[in-house]
Protein backbone atom coordinates (compact mmCIF):
# COMPACT_ATOMS: atom_id res chain seq x y z
CA MET A 1 152.87 78.26 165.84
CA SER A 2 151.95 81.71 164.51
CA ASP A 3 151.56 81.89 160.75
CA HIS A 4 152.81 85.40 160.23
CA ASP A 5 154.34 87.00 163.32
CA PRO A 6 156.18 90.05 161.84
CA SER A 7 158.68 90.08 164.71
CA LYS A 8 160.11 86.74 163.47
CA TRP A 9 160.86 87.92 159.89
CA ARG A 10 163.80 89.86 158.42
CA PHE A 11 162.85 92.89 156.34
CA ARG A 12 164.67 94.81 153.57
CA SER A 13 162.53 97.86 154.29
CA VAL A 14 159.17 98.56 155.89
CA GLY A 15 156.71 95.98 154.62
CA GLU A 16 159.20 94.20 152.32
CA ILE A 17 160.22 90.78 153.65
CA LYS A 18 163.81 89.79 152.78
CA VAL A 19 163.78 86.48 150.92
CA ASP A 20 166.11 84.31 148.86
CA THR A 21 164.99 82.18 145.90
CA LEU A 22 164.22 78.50 146.45
CA TYR A 23 166.14 76.43 143.91
CA ASP A 24 165.59 72.83 145.02
CA TRP A 25 164.68 70.68 147.98
CA GLY A 26 164.62 67.14 149.26
CA VAL A 27 162.97 65.23 152.08
CA THR A 28 164.03 62.05 153.86
CA THR A 29 163.81 60.34 157.23
CA ILE A 30 166.65 60.17 159.73
CA ALA A 31 167.18 58.14 162.89
CA PRO A 32 165.61 57.68 165.23
CA HIS A 33 162.20 59.19 164.25
CA ASN A 34 162.67 62.48 162.43
CA VAL A 35 161.91 63.98 159.05
CA ALA A 36 164.75 65.89 157.40
CA ILE A 37 164.37 68.58 154.76
CA ARG A 38 167.08 70.00 152.51
CA ILE A 39 166.49 73.47 151.09
CA GLY A 40 168.73 74.73 148.29
CA TYR A 41 168.55 78.44 147.53
CA ALA A 42 170.12 81.35 145.69
CA LYS A 43 170.79 84.79 147.18
CA SER A 44 171.08 86.61 143.85
CA GLN A 45 170.24 86.30 140.17
CA ALA A 46 173.88 85.42 139.47
CA GLU A 47 173.72 82.53 141.96
CA LEU A 48 170.42 81.37 140.46
CA ASP A 49 171.86 81.46 136.93
CA LYS A 50 174.87 79.44 138.10
CA ALA A 51 172.58 76.91 139.82
CA HIS A 52 170.67 76.44 136.57
CA ARG A 53 173.95 75.90 134.67
CA THR A 54 175.52 73.51 137.18
CA GLY A 55 172.44 71.82 138.64
CA ARG A 56 173.70 72.51 142.17
CA SER A 57 172.35 74.95 144.75
CA PRO A 58 174.88 77.59 145.79
CA ASN A 59 173.49 77.59 149.34
CA GLN A 60 171.84 74.87 151.34
CA ILE A 61 170.31 74.33 154.74
CA GLN A 62 169.32 70.96 156.20
CA LEU A 63 166.81 70.74 159.03
CA SER A 64 165.32 67.93 161.06
CA MET A 65 161.89 67.96 162.67
CA SER A 66 159.43 65.68 164.38
CA PRO A 67 156.74 64.02 162.30
CA ALA A 68 154.15 66.29 163.97
CA ALA A 69 156.14 69.42 163.02
CA ALA A 70 156.54 68.13 159.45
CA LYS A 71 152.77 67.68 159.15
CA GLN A 72 152.10 71.18 160.53
CA PHE A 73 154.69 72.66 158.13
CA ALA A 74 153.16 70.80 155.16
CA GLU A 75 149.64 71.88 156.13
CA GLN A 76 150.71 75.52 156.41
CA LEU A 77 152.47 75.44 153.01
CA LEU A 78 149.44 73.82 151.40
CA ARG A 79 147.04 76.35 152.95
CA TYR A 80 149.07 79.33 151.70
CA ALA A 81 149.70 77.82 148.24
CA THR A 82 146.01 77.01 147.78
CA ALA A 83 145.00 80.54 148.82
CA LEU A 84 147.43 82.11 146.31
CA GLU A 85 146.87 79.68 143.45
CA GLY A 86 144.05 81.64 141.83
CA SER A 87 145.95 84.92 141.90
CA VAL A 88 149.09 83.72 140.05
CA PRO A 89 149.01 84.70 136.36
CA PRO A 90 149.64 82.05 133.69
CA LYS A 91 153.34 81.32 133.06
CA ASP A 92 153.34 83.28 129.77
CA ARG A 93 152.07 86.40 131.61
CA GLN A 94 154.45 86.34 134.60
CA ASN A 95 157.32 88.80 134.97
């Protein structure tokens, strides 16, 4: 699977990928042999504020995948997070 194929992303404008804010997630197994992931997210600051007040994600998607796909997904997330880790400012200096 390609890491960053621009043709597979939605953009707000040239060079600006359209994203929503991750609020929470969960992982479990489902029959017969799949991994399931739940992604809760907010589409706006108002939705994120409400999620913080209520403890519930305003939007949610649930996906199932093979164990092999789950491992590839996890490896890709870890690779990108590790690469960015040194460039993230300390919490008290973030916007």
